[in-house]
Protein backbone atom coordinates (compact mmCIF):
# COMPACT_ATOMS: atom_id res chain seq x y z
CA MET A 1 40.84 31.50 15.53
CA GLU A 2 40.89 28.14 17.26
CA GLN A 3 44.37 26.94 18.24
CA PRO A 4 45.76 24.10 16.10
CA ASN A 5 45.81 20.73 17.80
CA LEU A 6 48.75 18.35 17.91
CA LYS A 7 47.29 16.09 15.20
CA GLU A 8 47.07 19.03 12.78
CA LEU A 9 50.66 20.05 13.48
CA GLU A 10 51.86 16.46 13.06
CA ALA A 11 50.07 16.34 9.69
CA ILE A 12 51.84 19.49 8.45
CA ILE A 13 55.22 17.99 9.38
CA ALA A 14 54.49 14.47 8.08
CA ILE A 15 53.60 15.40 4.49
CA PRO A 16 56.92 17.00 3.48
CA ARG A 17 58.88 14.54 5.63
CA ARG A 18 57.29 11.51 3.91
CA GLY A 19 57.03 13.12 0.46
CA THR A 20 53.42 12.18 -0.28
CA SER A 21 50.06 12.59 1.41
CA ARG A 22 49.47 8.84 1.19
CA ALA A 23 52.71 7.94 3.01
CA ALA A 24 52.07 10.66 5.62
CA ALA A 25 48.52 9.39 6.17
CA ILE A 26 49.79 5.84 6.70
CA ASP A 27 52.37 7.11 9.22
CA LEU A 28 49.67 9.03 11.08
CA GLY A 29 47.21 6.13 11.00
CA MET A 30 44.52 7.97 9.03
CA SER A 31 43.07 8.00 5.55
CA THR A 32 44.36 10.42 2.92
CA THR A 33 40.92 12.06 2.94
CA ALA A 34 41.09 12.62 6.71
CA LEU A 35 44.62 13.99 6.33
CA SER A 36 43.47 16.36 3.59
CA HIS A 37 40.60 17.61 5.79
CA THR A 38 42.98 18.05 8.74
CA VAL A 39 45.38 20.15 6.67
CA GLY A 40 42.46 22.12 5.19
CA ARG A 41 41.11 22.95 8.68
CA LEU A 42 44.52 24.20 9.78
CA GLU A 43 44.97 26.28 6.64
CA ALA A 44 41.47 27.75 7.06
CA GLY A 45 42.18 28.57 10.70
CA LEU A 46 45.48 30.24 9.82
CA GLY A 47 44.03 32.01 6.80
CA VAL A 48 46.97 31.00 4.62
CA ARG A 49 47.70 28.11 2.27
CA LEU A 50 50.58 25.91 3.46
CA PHE A 51 50.66 23.47 0.52
CA ASN A 52 50.46 23.67 -3.26
CA ARG A 53 48.38 20.68 -4.33
CA THR A 54 48.00 19.07 -7.71
CA THR A 55 46.53 15.68 -8.56
CA ARG A 56 50.06 14.25 -8.61
CA SER A 57 52.03 16.18 -6.00
CA VAL A 58 52.00 18.22 -2.82
CA SER A 59 54.65 20.83 -2.04
CA LEU A 60 55.08 23.48 0.62
CA THR A 61 54.29 27.11 -0.15
CA ASP A 62 56.71 29.74 1.15
CA ALA A 63 54.40 30.25 4.13
CA GLY A 64 54.27 26.47 4.64
CA ARG A 65 58.05 26.19 4.54
CA LEU A 66 58.44 29.00 7.09
CA PHE A 67 55.73 27.48 9.29
CA MET A 68 57.36 24.05 9.16
CA GLN A 69 60.83 25.43 9.96
CA GLN A 70 59.46 27.07 13.08
CA VAL A 71 57.05 24.35 14.19
CA ALA A 72 59.12 21.19 13.57
CA PRO A 73 61.75 21.82 16.30
CA SER A 74 59.07 22.80 18.82
CA LEU A 75 57.03 19.74 17.96
CA GLN A 76 60.11 17.54 18.46
CA ASP A 77 60.72 19.20 21.85
CA LEU A 78 57.10 18.51 22.76
CA ARG A 79 57.42 14.83 21.72
CA THR A 80 60.59 14.53 23.82
CA ALA A 81 58.89 16.12 26.84
CA LEU A 82 55.90 13.79 26.53
CA GLU A 83 58.17 10.76 26.22
CA THR A 84 60.16 11.86 29.27
CA VAL A 85 57.01 12.14 31.33
CA ARG A 86 55.69 8.79 30.07
CA SER A 87 58.97 7.09 30.97
CA GLN A 88 58.51 8.28 34.54
CA ARG A 89 55.24 6.41 34.64
CA GLU A 90 56.78 3.26 33.20
CA THR A 91 59.99 3.21 35.24
CA PRO A 92 59.79 4.36 38.84
CA SER A 93 62.65 6.51 40.05
CA GLY A 94 63.43 8.38 43.23
CA THR A 95 63.97 7.52 46.86
CA ILE A 96 61.80 5.48 49.20
CA ARG A 97 62.41 6.44 52.83
CA ILE A 98 61.67 3.65 55.31
CA ASN A 99 61.66 3.95 59.10
CA ALA A 100 61.91 0.74 61.10
CA ALA A 101 63.22 -0.64 64.35
CA PRO A 102 66.72 -2.14 63.90
CA PHE A 103 65.42 -5.71 64.22
CA ALA A 104 62.66 -5.13 61.64
CA ALA A 105 65.12 -3.51 59.23
CA ARG A 106 67.45 -6.52 59.43
CA ALA A 107 64.84 -9.29 59.52
CA ILE A 108 62.12 -7.94 57.23
CA ILE A 109 63.28 -5.03 55.06
CA SER A 110 66.91 -5.88 54.19
CA PRO A 111 66.12 -9.20 52.45
CA LEU A 112 63.55 -7.44 50.24
CA VAL A 113 65.59 -4.39 49.18
CA LEU A 114 67.85 -6.08 46.61
CA GLU A 115 64.91 -7.98 45.13
CA PHE A 116 63.02 -4.66 44.82
CA LEU A 117 65.94 -2.76 43.26
CA ARG A 118 66.69 -5.30 40.50
CA PRO A 119 63.70 -4.34 38.30
CA TYR A 120 63.85 -0.67 39.40
CA PRO A 121 67.51 0.42 39.17
CA ASP A 122 66.59 4.13 39.26
CA MET A 123 65.11 3.74 42.75
CA HIS A 124 67.02 4.32 45.97
CA VAL A 125 66.07 2.93 49.37
CA ASP A 126 66.89 4.93 52.49
CA ILE A 127 66.38 2.84 55.65
CA VAL A 128 66.47 4.77 58.92
CA THR A 129 66.57 2.81 62.17
CA GLU A 130 65.96 4.49 65.49
CA GLY A 131 65.38 3.18 68.97
CA LYS A 132 62.20 5.22 69.31
CA LEU A 133 58.92 5.64 67.45
CA VAL A 134 58.82 8.61 65.11
CA ASP A 135 56.00 10.29 63.20
CA VAL A 136 56.33 8.44 59.88
CA VAL A 137 54.43 11.01 57.82
CA GLY A 138 55.59 14.10 59.72
CA ASP A 139 59.25 13.11 59.38
CA GLY A 140 58.95 12.50 55.63
CA PHE A 141 59.02 8.71 55.51
CA ASP A 142 57.17 6.76 52.83
CA LEU A 143 56.89 3.62 54.93
CA GLY A 144 57.17 2.69 58.58
CA VAL A 145 57.55 -0.82 59.95
CA ARG A 146 55.91 -1.20 63.35
CA VAL A 147 54.73 -3.87 65.74
CA ALA A 148 50.98 -4.25 65.10
CA GLY A 149 49.94 -2.79 68.45
CA LEU A 150 51.97 0.40 67.86
CA VAL A 151 50.38 1.44 64.55
CA PRO A 152 48.26 4.60 64.95
CA THR A 153 44.59 4.03 64.11
CA ASP A 154 44.62 6.61 61.29
CA MET A 155 47.40 4.80 59.40
CA ILE A 156 46.98 2.13 56.73
CA ALA A 157 48.61 -1.06 57.99
CA VAL A 158 49.52 -4.18 56.04
CA SER A 159 50.78 -7.31 57.77
CA LEU A 160 54.27 -8.28 56.59
CA GLY A 161 54.31 -11.77 58.01
CA ARG A 162 53.14 -14.13 60.69
CA PRO A 163 52.94 -12.91 64.27
CA GLN A 164 56.33 -13.15 65.97
CA ARG A 165 56.69 -14.71 69.39
CA HIS A 166 59.36 -13.51 71.74
CA ALA A 167 60.53 -15.02 74.98
CA VAL A 168 62.94 -14.00 77.66
CA VAL A 169 65.00 -16.98 78.75
CA GLY A 170 67.72 -17.46 81.25
CA SER A 171 69.94 -20.07 82.77
CA PRO A 172 70.80 -20.59 86.43
CA GLU A 173 74.47 -20.63 85.52
C-alpha cells in the first residue's frame, strides 16, 4: 500500500470539520470531484470505507471516526512544525559573531548594529575586538573586518567604504 499524502489526510479532516464536501473542497482549494477522488484513493489504499455517502450527506463511519481521532492531532502537530520551520526562514534569529579591530568596530560596525537589529529583533550581534589578527573561520566568526591588504586570498571580501588615509603628525612643542 502506498502511504497517504498530506493532501489526502487534510481531505479526511476537512470534510467532517466543515460539514459538507463542498465546503471542505473550497477550503482545500479543489473541486468537489477532486476531493471525492482524493478520499476514494485513500479509502482504496487503506482497504476500508471512512465515509458513508448519500446524495445529500457525508458522515464518518466508525473506522473513519477512529482514523480522524488519531490523525487530526498528529496532522496539527505537523502543521505547527512546518509553520515553525517556515518562520525561521522568514525571520532570522541567532547570533552573528563579528571579529574586528577596535577602531573598525567603533567606526564601521557599531553604527550599523542598531539599524540591523530593528527589523530582526531575534538576532544578537557579538562583536569581538582583539589587537591581533585571528582566523575568522577557524575561531567561529561569521564576519571579520580587516584592512584590505590583510584579507587572505581565499576569503570573500566586500569593501565597506572608501579607502581610509592615515597620517602620523607631530608638533615641535
